[in-house]
Amino acid sequence: MAKAAARKVVREDPVSRAFGDRVRTLREEAELTLEQLSKQSGVSRAMLSKVERGEKSPTIGVARRIALALGTSFSSLMGDDDGPRRAFAIVRKDQRPVFRDADTGFERFLLSPVMAGMPVEVALHHLPPKTSTGELPAYPVGTSKHVLVARGKVTVITKDTETVLDEGDSLYFEVDVEHWFENRTTRACEYYLVISAPPSFGRREGK
């Protein structure tokens, strides 16, 4: 007797769905077609289509390329920044916007509030053993990152450098070059990022 073919159950990821909705909304507001956004971001049209439908969770590198092409920040794609600007804002632990890479288990938690034009954002990255964030695109000139390792060991890589950071170590570097983070160990690592954008980029995002 032939066995009945097992049906593949596809469960919708609410994070991917919300991210895709945000990308589509910003693309339509910018009056861009998928083809135009593909050319500007360097991300294939097929991938963009899957992202917008919530069928594919992009890597953080792909997500950042989409954000740059749309003239916004990665964090803005993760949450709603349309609310009024406040001088006092709390981000509860269970309300952190989170980005997850389903293939690697990489997680990015946004710790700072999502508000248009903010020049600084704070994030926590969780990188499983033997994994990488993948290549991240260059940011606008003048953008910098402060890295503080909270647990484990992480390697910060650019085209010309490799810097190994142990637990408790910190690093400052300008990110106007392609770069990425790797966990080459058998233990999960966590590190904090403080990203400082140049004023001109902050103003552009706040349009």
C-alpha atoms as a PDB file:
ATOM      1  CA  MET A   1       0.000   0.000   0.000  1.00  0.00           C
ATOM      2  CA  ALA A   2       1.403   3.354  -0.968  1.00  0.00           C
ATOM      3  CA  LYS A   3       1.853   5.718   1.907  1.00  0.00           C
ATOM      4  CA  ALA A   4      -0.116   8.928   1.731  1.00  0.00           C
ATOM      5  CA  ALA A   5       2.132  11.866   1.017  1.00  0.00           C
ATOM      6  CA  ALA A   6       2.681  13.955   4.119  1.00  0.00           C
ATOM      7  CA  ARG A   7       1.358  17.434   3.855  1.00  0.00           C
ATOM      8  CA  LYS A   8       3.793  20.187   4.611  1.00  0.00           C
ATOM      9  CA  VAL A   9       2.287  22.616   7.073  1.00  0.00           C
ATOM     10  CA  VAL A  10       3.552  26.159   6.611  1.00  0.00           C
ATOM     11  CA  ARG A  11       3.204  28.245   9.736  1.00  0.00           C
ATOM     12  CA  GLU A  12       3.164  31.973   9.259  1.00  0.00           C
ATOM     13  CA  ASP A  13       5.779  33.812  11.279  1.00  0.00           C
ATOM     14  CA  PRO A  14       4.134  36.980  12.658  1.00  0.00           C
ATOM     15  CA  VAL A  15       7.518  38.747  12.788  1.00  0.00           C
ATOM     16  CA  SER A  16       8.175  38.036   9.101  1.00  0.00           C
ATOM     17  CA  ARG A  17       4.611  39.039   8.238  1.00  0.00           C
ATOM     18  CA  ALA A  18       4.899  42.386  10.032  1.00  0.00           C
ATOM     19  CA  PHE A  19       8.322  43.040   8.506  1.00  0.00           C
ATOM     20  CA  GLY A  20       7.006  42.262   5.021  1.00  0.00           C
ATOM     21  CA  ASP A  21       3.984  44.519   5.475  1.00  0.00           C
ATOM     22  CA  ARG A  22       6.253  47.374   6.522  1.00  0.00           C
ATOM     23  CA  VAL A  23       8.528  46.891   3.489  1.00  0.00           C
ATOM     24  CA  ARG A  24       5.563  46.864   1.100  1.00  0.00           C
ATOM     25  CA  THR A  25       4.038  49.968   2.706  1.00  0.00           C
ATOM     26  CA  LEU A  26       7.275  51.966   2.455  1.00  0.00           C
ATOM     27  CA  ARG A  27       7.887  50.772  -1.106  1.00  0.00           C
ATOM     28  CA  GLU A  28       4.410  51.859  -2.177  1.00  0.00           C
ATOM     29  CA  GLU A  29       4.790  55.201  -0.399  1.00  0.00           C
ATOM     30  CA  ALA A  30       8.023  55.730  -2.347  1.00  0.00           C
ATOM     31  CA  GLU A  31       6.158  54.752  -5.555  1.00  0.00           C
ATOM     32  CA  LEU A  32       8.670  52.025  -6.340  1.00  0.00           C
ATOM     33  CA  THR A  33       7.951  48.798  -8.170  1.00  0.00           C
ATOM     34  CA  LEU A  34       9.479  45.545  -6.964  1.00  0.00           C
ATOM     35  CA  GLU A  35      11.809  45.702  -9.962  1.00  0.00           C
ATOM     36  CA  GLN A  36      12.969  49.226  -9.065  1.00  0.00           C
ATOM     37  CA  LEU A  37      13.535  48.321  -5.427  1.00  0.00           C
ATOM     38  CA  SER A  38      15.451  45.251  -6.543  1.00  0.00           C
ATOM     39  CA  LYS A  39      17.823  47.378  -8.623  1.00  0.00           C
ATOM     40  CA  GLN A  40      18.332  49.910  -5.831  1.00  0.00           C
ATOM     41  CA  SER A  41      18.902  47.335  -3.091  1.00  0.00           C
ATOM     42  CA  GLY A  42      20.725  44.587  -4.965  1.00  0.00           C
ATOM     43  CA  VAL A  43      18.156  42.089  -3.634  1.00  0.00           C
ATOM     44  CA  SER A  44      16.438  39.873  -6.192  1.00  0.00           C
ATOM     45  CA  ARG A  45      12.842  40.607  -7.155  1.00  0.00           C
ATOM     46  CA  ALA A  46      11.852  37.060  -6.170  1.00  0.00           C
ATOM     47  CA  MET A  47      13.321  37.506  -2.683  1.00  0.00           C
ATOM     48  CA  LEU A  48      11.611  40.884  -2.228  1.00  0.00           C
ATOM     49  CA  SER A  49       8.282  39.393  -3.247  1.00  0.00           C
ATOM     50  CA  LYS A  50       8.634  36.566  -0.705  1.00  0.00           C
ATOM     51  CA  VAL A  51       9.691  39.012   2.016  1.00  0.00           C
ATOM     52  CA  GLU A  52       6.681  41.250   1.406  1.00  0.00           C
ATOM     53  CA  ARG A  53       4.318  38.263   1.586  1.00  0.00           C
ATOM     54  CA  GLY A  54       5.912  37.103   4.830  1.00  0.00           C
ATOM     55  CA  GLU A  55       6.998  33.842   3.226  1.00  0.00           C
ATOM     56  CA  LYS A  56      10.706  34.430   3.719  1.00  0.00           C
ATOM     57  CA  SER A  57      12.627  35.820   6.667  1.00  0.00           C
ATOM     58  CA  PRO A  58      15.612  37.679   5.159  1.00  0.00           C
ATOM     59  CA  THR A  59      19.082  37.619   6.617  1.00  0.00           C
ATOM     60  CA  ILE A  60      20.039  40.757   8.508  1.00  0.00           C
ATOM     61  CA  GLY A  61      22.308  41.743   5.604  1.00  0.00           C
ATOM     62  CA  VAL A  62      19.457  41.531   3.085  1.00  0.00           C
ATOM     63  CA  ALA A  63      17.134  43.398   5.458  1.00  0.00           C
ATOM     64  CA  ARG A  64      19.650  46.222   5.830  1.00  0.00           C
ATOM     65  CA  ARG A  65      20.066  46.511   2.058  1.00  0.00           C
ATOM     66  CA  ILE A  66      16.294  46.859   1.718  1.00  0.00           C
ATOM     67  CA  ALA A  67      16.216  49.508   4.454  1.00  0.00           C
ATOM     68  CA  LEU A  68      18.990  51.569   2.853  1.00  0.00           C
ATOM     69  CA  ALA A  69      17.276  51.394  -0.541  1.00  0.00           C
ATOM     70  CA  LEU A  70      14.043  52.648   1.037  1.00  0.00           C
ATOM     71  CA  GLY A  71      15.853  55.515   2.761  1.00  0.00           C
ATOM     72  CA  THR A  72      15.053  54.293   6.246  1.00  0.00           C
ATOM     73  CA  SER A  73      16.726  52.399   9.080  1.00  0.00           C
ATOM     74  CA  PHE A  74      16.616  48.684   9.768  1.00  0.00           C
ATOM     75  CA  SER A  75      14.993  49.421  13.124  1.00  0.00           C
ATOM     76  CA  SER A  76      12.209  51.385  11.454  1.00  0.00           C
ATOM     77  CA  LEU A  77      11.341  48.301   9.431  1.00  0.00           C
ATOM     78  CA  MET A  78      11.027  46.335  12.670  1.00  0.00           C
ATOM     79  CA  GLY A  79       8.538  48.668  14.358  1.00  0.00           C
ATOM     80  CA  ASP A  80       6.195  51.611  14.063  1.00  0.00           C
ATOM     81  CA  ASP A  81       7.965  54.970  14.181  1.00  0.00           C
ATOM     82  CA  ASP A  82       4.940  57.068  13.224  1.00  0.00           C
ATOM     83  CA  GLY A  83       4.040  58.029  16.778  1.00  0.00           C
ATOM     84  CA  PRO A  84       4.871  61.405  18.310  1.00  0.00           C
ATOM     85  CA  ARG A  85       8.452  62.009  19.355  1.00  0.00           C
ATOM     86  CA  ARG A  86       8.821  61.784  23.144  1.00  0.00           C
ATOM     87  CA  ALA A  87      11.597  62.810  25.507  1.00  0.00           C
ATOM     88  CA  PHE A  88      10.779  59.833  27.735  1.00  0.00           C
ATOM     89  CA  ALA A  89      10.123  56.349  26.368  1.00  0.00           C
ATOM     90  CA  ILE A  90      10.232  52.896  27.964  1.00  0.00           C
ATOM     91  CA  VAL A  91      10.892  49.673  26.068  1.00  0.00           C
ATOM     92  CA  ARG A  92       9.701  46.754  28.191  1.00  0.00           C
ATOM     93  CA  LYS A  93      11.596  43.482  27.905  1.00  0.00           C
ATOM     94  CA  ASP A  94       8.601  41.654  26.441  1.00  0.00           C
ATOM     95  CA  GLN A  95       7.938  44.477  23.967  1.00  0.00           C
ATOM     96  CA  ARG A  96      11.338  44.579  22.279  1.00  0.00           C
ATOM     97  CA  PRO A  97      11.129  44.476  18.468  1.00  0.00           C
ATOM     98  CA  VAL A  98      12.981  41.320  17.428  1.00  0.00           C
ATOM     99  CA  PHE A  99      14.476  40.131  14.161  1.00  0.00           C
ATOM    100  CA  ARG A 100      15.120  36.384  13.788  1.00  0.00           C
ATOM    101  CA  ASP A 101      16.984  34.503  11.099  1.00  0.00           C
ATOM    102  CA  ALA A 102      15.149  31.182  10.880  1.00  0.00           C
ATOM    103  CA  ASP A 103      18.069  29.473   9.115  1.00  0.00           C
ATOM    104  CA  THR A 104      20.824  30.322  11.615  1.00  0.00           C
ATOM    105  CA  GLY A 105      18.971  31.133  14.839  1.00  0.00           C
ATOM    106  CA  PHE A 106      20.517  34.614  14.938  1.00  0.00           C
ATOM    107  CA  GLU A 107      18.387  37.079  16.921  1.00  0.00           C
ATOM    108  CA  ARG A 108      18.523  40.883  17.088  1.00  0.00           C
ATOM    109  CA  PHE A 109      16.630  42.642  19.874  1.00  0.00           C
ATOM    110  CA  LEU A 110      16.107  46.389  19.576  1.00  0.00           C
ATOM    111  CA  LEU A 111      16.513  47.935  23.042  1.00  0.00           C
ATOM    112  CA  SER A 112      15.981  51.589  22.142  1.00  0.00           C
ATOM    113  CA  PRO A 113      12.602  53.073  21.179  1.00  0.00           C
ATOM    114  CA  VAL A 114      11.757  53.256  17.481  1.00  0.00           C
ATOM    115  CA  MET A 115      11.300  56.943  16.664  1.00  0.00           C
ATOM    116  CA  ALA A 116      11.928  58.757  13.408  1.00  0.00           C
ATOM    117  CA  GLY A 117      15.206  60.638  13.209  1.00  0.00           C
ATOM    118  CA  MET A 118      16.854  59.114  16.291  1.00  0.00           C
ATOM    119  CA  PRO A 119      20.626  59.341  15.780  1.00  0.00           C
ATOM    120  CA  VAL A 120      21.448  56.464  18.161  1.00  0.00           C
ATOM    121  CA  GLU A 121      20.051  52.957  18.529  1.00  0.00           C
ATOM    122  CA  VAL A 122      20.917  50.200  20.972  1.00  0.00           C
ATOM    123  CA  ALA A 123      20.559  46.510  20.117  1.00  0.00           C
ATOM    124  CA  LEU A 124      21.361  43.105  21.603  1.00  0.00           C
ATOM    125  CA  HIS A 125      22.532  40.336  19.266  1.00  0.00           C
ATOM    126  CA  HIS A 126      22.334  36.624  20.059  1.00  0.00           C
ATOM    127  CA  LEU A 127      24.595  34.568  17.790  1.00  0.00           C
ATOM    128  CA  PRO A 128      24.433  30.753  18.090  1.00  0.00           C
ATOM    129  CA  PRO A 129      27.578  28.588  17.882  1.00  0.00           C
ATOM    130  CA  LYS A 130      29.351  28.330  14.520  1.00  0.00           C
ATOM    131  CA  THR A 131      27.156  30.957  12.867  1.00  0.00           C
ATOM    132  CA  SER A 132      27.528  34.367  11.267  1.00  0.00           C
ATOM    133  CA  THR A 133      25.332  37.412  10.718  1.00  0.00           C
ATOM    134  CA  GLY A 134      26.319  37.272   7.066  1.00  0.00           C
ATOM    135  CA  GLU A 135      27.817  40.237   5.258  1.00  0.00           C
ATOM    136  CA  LEU A 136      26.294  43.567   6.282  1.00  0.00           C
ATOM    137  CA  PRO A 137      26.297  46.479   3.809  1.00  0.00           C
ATOM    138  CA  ALA A 138      28.212  49.666   4.430  1.00  0.00           C
ATOM    139  CA  TYR A 139      26.350  52.385   6.333  1.00  0.00           C
ATOM    140  CA  PRO A 140      26.404  56.088   5.366  1.00  0.00           C
ATOM    141  CA  VAL A 141      29.780  57.747   6.001  1.00  0.00           C
ATOM    142  CA  GLY A 142      30.048  58.880   9.608  1.00  0.00           C
ATOM    143  CA  THR A 143      28.063  55.984  11.102  1.00  0.00           C
ATOM    144  CA  SER A 144      29.802  54.102  13.906  1.00  0.00           C
ATOM    145  CA  LYS A 145      29.232  51.042  16.069  1.00  0.00           C
ATOM    146  CA  HIS A 146      30.246  50.368  19.658  1.00  0.00           C
ATOM    147  CA  VAL A 147      30.354  46.634  20.438  1.00  0.00           C
ATOM    148  CA  LEU A 148      30.324  45.193  23.966  1.00  0.00           C
ATOM    149  CA  VAL A 149      30.478  41.414  24.428  1.00  0.00           C
ATOM    150  CA  ALA A 150      28.187  40.233  27.222  1.00  0.00           C
ATOM    151  CA  ARG A 151      28.693  36.486  26.805  1.00  0.00           C
ATOM    152  CA  GLY A 152      31.046  34.248  24.855  1.00  0.00           C
ATOM    153  CA  LYS A 153      33.362  35.390  22.065  1.00  0.00           C
ATOM    154  CA  VAL A 154      32.665  37.162  18.769  1.00  0.00           C
ATOM    155  CA  THR A 155      34.847  37.986  15.766  1.00  0.00           C
ATOM    156  CA  VAL A 156      34.238  41.332  14.039  1.00  0.00           C
ATOM    157  CA  ILE A 157      35.309  41.259  10.390  1.00  0.00           C
ATOM    158  CA  THR A 158      35.802  43.866   7.669  1.00  0.00           C
ATOM    159  CA  LYS A 159      37.565  43.549   4.330  1.00  0.00           C
ATOM    160  CA  ASP A 160      40.908  44.416   5.917  1.00  0.00           C
ATOM    161  CA  THR A 161      40.578  43.393   9.575  1.00  0.00           C
ATOM    162  CA  GLU A 162      39.556  40.599  11.928  1.00  0.00           C
ATOM    163  CA  THR A 163      39.119  41.450  15.602  1.00  0.00           C
ATOM    164  CA  VAL A 164      38.360  38.797  18.222  1.00  0.00           C
ATOM    165  CA  LEU A 165      36.456  40.082  21.256  1.00  0.00           C
ATOM    166  CA  ASP A 166      36.171  38.083  24.478  1.00  0.00           C
ATOM    167  CA  GLU A 167      33.494  38.443  27.134  1.00  0.00           C
ATOM    168  CA  GLY A 168      33.712  41.956  28.585  1.00  0.00           C
ATOM    169  CA  ASP A 169      35.727  43.370  25.659  1.00  0.00           C
ATOM    170  CA  SER A 170      34.470  46.370  23.687  1.00  0.00           C
ATOM    171  CA  LEU A 171      35.212  47.839  20.274  1.00  0.00           C
ATOM    172  CA  TYR A 172      34.454  51.072  18.429  1.00  0.00           C
ATOM    173  CA  PHE A 173      34.652  51.232  14.642  1.00  0.00           C
ATOM    174  CA  GLU A 174      33.233  53.201  11.730  1.00  0.00           C
ATOM    175  CA  VAL A 175      30.899  51.135   9.570  1.00  0.00           C
ATOM    176  CA  ASP A 176      31.111  52.835   6.182  1.00  0.00           C
ATOM    177  CA  VAL A 177      32.509  49.510   4.936  1.00  0.00           C
ATOM    178  CA  GLU A 178      30.977  46.061   4.545  1.00  0.00           C
ATOM    179  CA  HIS A 179      31.369  44.079   7.759  1.00  0.00           C
ATOM    180  CA  TRP A 180      29.967  41.118   9.667  1.00  0.00           C
ATOM    181  CA  PHE A 181      30.056  39.237  12.955  1.00  0.00           C
ATOM    182  CA  GLU A 182      30.988  35.574  13.456  1.00  0.00           C
ATOM    183  CA  ASN A 183      30.774  33.155  16.359  1.00  0.00           C
ATOM    184  CA  ARG A 184      33.465  30.579  15.635  1.00  0.00           C
ATOM    185  CA  THR A 185      33.092  28.825  18.982  1.00  0.00           C
ATOM    186  CA  THR A 186      30.849  26.017  20.240  1.00  0.00           C
ATOM    187  CA  ARG A 187      29.159  28.337  22.737  1.00  0.00           C
ATOM    188  CA  ALA A 188      26.454  30.910  22.033  1.00  0.00           C
ATOM    189  CA  CYS A 189      27.508  34.532  22.302  1.00  0.00           C
ATOM    190  CA  GLU A 190      25.685  37.786  23.013  1.00  0.00           C
ATOM    191  CA  TYR A 191      26.876  41.305  22.401  1.00  0.00           C
ATOM    192  CA  TYR A 192      25.431  44.793  22.654  1.00  0.00           C
ATOM    193  CA  LEU A 193      25.605  47.302  19.800  1.00  0.00           C
ATOM    194  CA  VAL A 194      25.313  51.077  20.058  1.00  0.00           C
ATOM    195  CA  ILE A 195      24.903  52.474  16.536  1.00  0.00           C
ATOM    196  CA  SER A 196      25.440  56.193  16.013  1.00  0.00           C
ATOM    197  CA  ALA A 197      24.209  57.671  12.729  1.00  0.00           C
ATOM    198  CA  PRO A 198      25.436  60.966  11.251  1.00  0.00           C
ATOM    199  CA  PRO A 199      22.971  63.861  11.710  1.00  0.00           C
ATOM    200  CA  SER A 200      22.233  64.118   7.974  1.00  0.00           C
ATOM    201  CA  PHE A 201      21.103  60.481   7.834  1.00  0.00           C
ATOM    202  CA  GLY A 202      18.909  60.969  10.887  1.00  0.00           C
ATOM    203  CA  ARG A 203      17.223  63.948   9.238  1.00  0.00           C
ATOM    204  CA  ARG A 204      16.697  61.994   6.027  1.00  0.00           C
ATOM    205  CA  GLU A 205      14.980  59.203   7.962  1.00  0.00           C
ATOM    206  CA  GLY A 206      12.746  61.671   9.699  1.00  0.00           C
ATOM    207  CA  LYS A 207      11.246  62.990   6.448  1.00  0.00           C
END
